[in-house]
């Protein structure tokens, strides 16, 4: 078994062995950090973010994700000289992390290492020319406990999506979504993803 496969399986086992959440609220959401999900149901989610190298670049990157699974996989990086970070909490307990580029002296041929960056290992990555904002949701919907949505928006040009080092899409707005949804028909969770 390859080292990448071992890392994936370890991440899946950790994600599958989380604690059971508290009681459901009136809105159908659950306060708590996790819902138990079998490792076999989690594997497609991990493969989506780790297996294929995708790079999303835009002026503004907005990310919303479930705390379960994604918080432990998420990496954020910045050059302290060029990017500021602010953390805050929403009323529902969600964590909001904003990385904003403060180096405005160079408007073209920017060094990509100076940009706000989000990444999941060597797989899915996003870089923002201006600001990257991540909302990590702590409340859980039992029918959709694991989800991720990245959206790149560029107001004065095009956002780009590179797959395995090659440009795949270029337009003002690009969205990547991944969700784990409960299926009554199959009686387990199914992964759904889309790029548009």
Protein backbone atom coordinates (compact mmCIF):
# COMPACT_ATOMS: atom_id res chain seq x y z
CA UNK A 1 0.00 0.00 0.00
CA UNK A 2 1.39 3.43 -0.97
CA UNK A 3 2.22 6.04 1.71
CA UNK A 4 -0.56 8.29 0.37
CA UNK A 5 -3.08 5.49 0.83
CA UNK A 6 -1.89 4.98 4.46
CA UNK A 7 -2.33 8.70 5.20
CA UNK A 8 -5.81 8.68 3.64
CA UNK A 9 -6.88 5.65 5.67
CA UNK A 10 -5.57 7.23 8.90
CA UNK A 11 -7.53 10.41 8.21
CA UNK A 12 -10.64 8.39 7.46
CA UNK A 13 -10.40 6.38 10.65
CA UNK A 14 -9.96 9.53 12.72
CA UNK A 15 -12.93 11.14 10.98
CA UNK A 16 -15.10 8.06 11.43
CA UNK A 17 -14.39 7.66 15.17
CA UNK A 18 -15.61 11.07 16.28
CA UNK A 19 -18.03 11.56 19.16
CA UNK A 20 -21.78 11.50 18.78
CA UNK A 21 -23.47 14.92 18.83
CA UNK A 22 -25.98 16.25 21.33
CA UNK A 23 -29.73 16.43 20.84
CA UNK A 24 -31.26 17.87 17.71
CA UNK A 25 -32.56 21.45 17.90
CA UNK A 26 -35.88 22.70 16.49
CA UNK A 27 -34.19 23.71 13.22
CA UNK A 28 -33.07 20.12 12.53
CA UNK A 29 -29.42 20.89 13.22
CA UNK A 30 -27.35 19.29 15.94
CA UNK A 31 -25.00 21.08 18.34
CA UNK A 32 -21.82 19.06 18.58
CA UNK A 33 -18.63 18.36 16.76
CA UNK A 34 -19.40 15.21 14.81
CA UNK A 35 -21.75 12.50 13.66
CA UNK A 36 -20.45 8.95 13.39
CA UNK A 37 -19.82 8.10 9.73
CA UNK A 38 -18.29 4.79 8.60
CA UNK A 39 -14.79 5.04 7.09
CA UNK A 40 -16.05 3.47 3.85
CA UNK A 41 -18.52 6.36 3.42
CA UNK A 42 -15.76 8.91 4.16
CA UNK A 43 -13.24 7.58 1.66
CA UNK A 44 -14.66 9.41 -1.43
CA UNK A 45 -14.64 12.71 0.50
CA UNK A 46 -10.96 12.30 1.38
CA UNK A 47 -10.09 11.27 -2.17
CA UNK A 48 -11.87 14.34 -3.58
CA UNK A 49 -9.66 16.77 -1.65
CA UNK A 50 -6.41 14.76 -1.61
CA UNK A 51 -6.16 12.66 -4.75
CA UNK A 52 -6.34 15.24 -7.59
CA UNK A 53 -4.24 18.39 -7.45
CA UNK A 54 -6.62 21.30 -8.05
CA UNK A 55 -5.62 24.95 -7.66
CA UNK A 56 -8.34 27.62 -7.53
CA UNK A 57 -7.15 31.22 -7.88
CA UNK A 58 -9.24 34.37 -7.68
CA UNK A 59 -9.39 37.90 -6.31
CA UNK A 60 -11.68 36.80 -3.47
CA UNK A 61 -11.98 33.24 -2.21
CA UNK A 62 -14.97 32.37 0.00
CA UNK A 63 -15.02 28.99 1.73
CA UNK A 64 -17.70 27.37 3.85
CA UNK A 65 -17.10 23.95 5.39
CA UNK A 66 -18.21 21.58 8.09
CA UNK A 67 -15.93 21.42 11.10
CA UNK A 68 -16.21 17.63 11.08
CA UNK A 69 -13.46 16.16 8.91
CA UNK A 70 -12.42 19.37 7.11
CA UNK A 71 -11.13 21.30 10.13
CA UNK A 72 -8.57 18.56 10.78
CA UNK A 73 -7.52 18.42 7.11
CA UNK A 74 -7.32 22.18 6.52
CA UNK A 75 -4.08 24.11 6.15
CA UNK A 76 -3.87 27.91 6.01
CA UNK A 77 -0.66 29.76 5.26
CA UNK A 78 0.43 33.33 4.83
CA UNK A 79 3.55 35.43 4.68
CA UNK A 80 3.36 37.57 7.84
CA UNK A 81 4.87 40.54 5.99
CA UNK A 82 2.24 40.54 3.24
CA UNK A 83 -0.94 38.97 4.66
CA UNK A 84 -2.93 39.72 7.84
CA UNK A 85 -5.09 37.17 9.65
CA UNK A 86 -8.19 37.85 11.73
CA UNK A 87 -10.26 35.24 13.55
CA UNK A 88 -13.80 35.73 14.83
CA UNK A 89 -16.85 33.70 15.86
CA UNK A 90 -20.42 33.90 14.65
CA UNK A 91 -23.43 33.64 16.98
CA UNK A 92 -23.94 29.99 16.00
CA UNK A 93 -20.39 29.09 17.10
CA UNK A 94 -18.90 29.01 13.61
CA UNK A 95 -15.26 30.07 13.34
CA UNK A 96 -14.41 32.67 10.68
CA UNK A 97 -10.82 33.07 9.50
CA UNK A 98 -9.94 35.94 7.15
CA UNK A 99 -6.58 36.23 5.40
CA UNK A 100 -6.13 39.56 3.61
CA UNK A 101 -3.25 40.68 1.42
CA UNK A 102 -1.80 43.98 2.61
CA UNK A 103 1.02 44.17 0.07
CA UNK A 104 -0.56 46.38 -2.59
CA UNK A 105 2.67 47.71 -4.09
CA UNK A 106 2.78 45.08 -6.81
CA UNK A 107 -0.41 44.63 -8.85
CA UNK A 108 0.92 42.34 -11.62
CA UNK A 109 3.21 39.29 -11.67
CA UNK A 110 2.50 38.64 -7.99
CA UNK A 111 4.59 36.10 -6.16
CA UNK A 112 2.07 33.30 -5.41
CA UNK A 113 3.86 32.54 -2.14
CA UNK A 114 2.82 35.97 -0.84
CA UNK A 115 -0.90 35.34 -1.38
CA UNK A 116 -3.38 34.08 1.24
CA UNK A 117 -3.50 30.29 0.80
CA UNK A 118 -5.76 27.41 1.82
CA UNK A 119 -4.80 23.80 1.13
CA UNK A 120 -5.63 20.18 1.89
CA UNK A 121 -2.31 18.34 1.77
CA UNK A 122 -1.06 18.17 -1.81
CA UNK A 123 -4.57 18.05 -3.27
CA UNK A 124 -7.11 20.87 -3.31
CA UNK A 125 -5.67 24.37 -2.90
CA UNK A 126 -6.96 27.95 -3.18
CA UNK A 127 -5.08 31.26 -3.39
CA UNK A 128 -6.59 34.75 -3.24
CA UNK A 129 -5.15 37.91 -4.77
CA UNK A 130 -7.04 40.01 -2.23
CA UNK A 131 -8.85 38.10 0.54
CA UNK A 132 -9.52 34.51 1.55
CA UNK A 133 -12.40 34.00 4.02
CA UNK A 134 -13.12 30.62 5.62
CA UNK A 135 -16.26 29.84 7.64
CA UNK A 136 -16.01 26.61 9.65
CA UNK A 137 -19.52 25.53 10.68
CA UNK A 138 -19.84 23.67 13.98
CA UNK A 139 -23.56 22.87 13.82
CA UNK A 140 -24.36 19.64 12.03
CA UNK A 141 -27.16 18.58 9.70
CA UNK A 142 -27.47 14.81 10.09
CA UNK A 143 -28.49 14.46 6.44
CA UNK A 144 -25.50 16.50 5.21
CA UNK A 145 -22.87 16.37 7.96
CA UNK A 146 -19.80 16.84 5.74
CA UNK A 147 -19.65 19.62 3.17
CA UNK A 148 -17.24 22.01 1.52
CA UNK A 149 -17.87 24.93 -0.83
CA UNK A 150 -15.09 27.05 -2.32
CA UNK A 151 -15.93 29.99 -4.53
CA UNK A 152 -13.46 32.20 -6.36
CA UNK A 153 -14.72 35.59 -7.54
CA UNK A 154 -12.72 38.08 -9.58
CA UNK A 155 -14.30 41.46 -10.21
CA UNK A 156 -11.85 42.80 -12.80
CA UNK A 157 -11.01 39.66 -14.79
CA UNK A 158 -11.21 35.91 -14.51
CA UNK A 159 -10.70 33.39 -11.74
CA UNK A 160 -8.85 30.26 -12.83
CA UNK A 161 -8.97 26.57 -11.98
CA UNK A 162 -5.88 24.47 -12.64
CA UNK A 163 -6.07 20.68 -12.51
CA UNK A 164 -2.81 18.70 -12.31
CA UNK A 165 -0.88 21.83 -13.33
CA UNK A 166 -2.99 22.66 -16.40
CA UNK A 167 -5.56 25.42 -16.72
CA UNK A 168 -9.01 23.85 -16.91
CA UNK A 169 -11.41 26.76 -16.48
CA UNK A 170 -11.31 30.54 -16.58
CA UNK A 171 -14.27 32.82 -15.78
CA UNK A 172 -15.26 35.54 -13.26
CA UNK A 173 -16.76 33.01 -10.79
CA UNK A 174 -15.75 29.38 -10.20
CA UNK A 175 -17.28 27.15 -7.51
CA UNK A 176 -16.14 23.78 -6.14
CA UNK A 177 -18.56 21.82 -3.95
CA UNK A 178 -18.36 18.52 -2.11
CA UNK A 179 -21.03 17.04 0.18
CA UNK A 180 -21.70 13.80 2.01
CA UNK A 181 -25.45 13.18 1.89
CA UNK A 182 -27.58 10.56 3.62
CA UNK A 183 -29.31 8.17 1.21
CA UNK A 184 -32.45 6.42 2.48
CA UNK A 185 -32.34 4.18 -0.58
CA UNK A 186 -28.83 2.85 0.14
CA UNK A 187 -28.96 3.40 3.94
CA UNK A 188 -25.57 5.04 4.07
CA UNK A 189 -23.88 8.30 3.10
CA UNK A 190 -23.09 9.08 -0.56
CA UNK A 191 -20.56 11.63 -1.82
CA UNK A 192 -21.63 14.26 -4.34
CA UNK A 193 -19.34 16.87 -5.90
CA UNK A 194 -19.54 19.55 -8.56
CA UNK A 195 -17.30 22.15 -10.20
CA UNK A 196 -19.02 24.97 -12.05
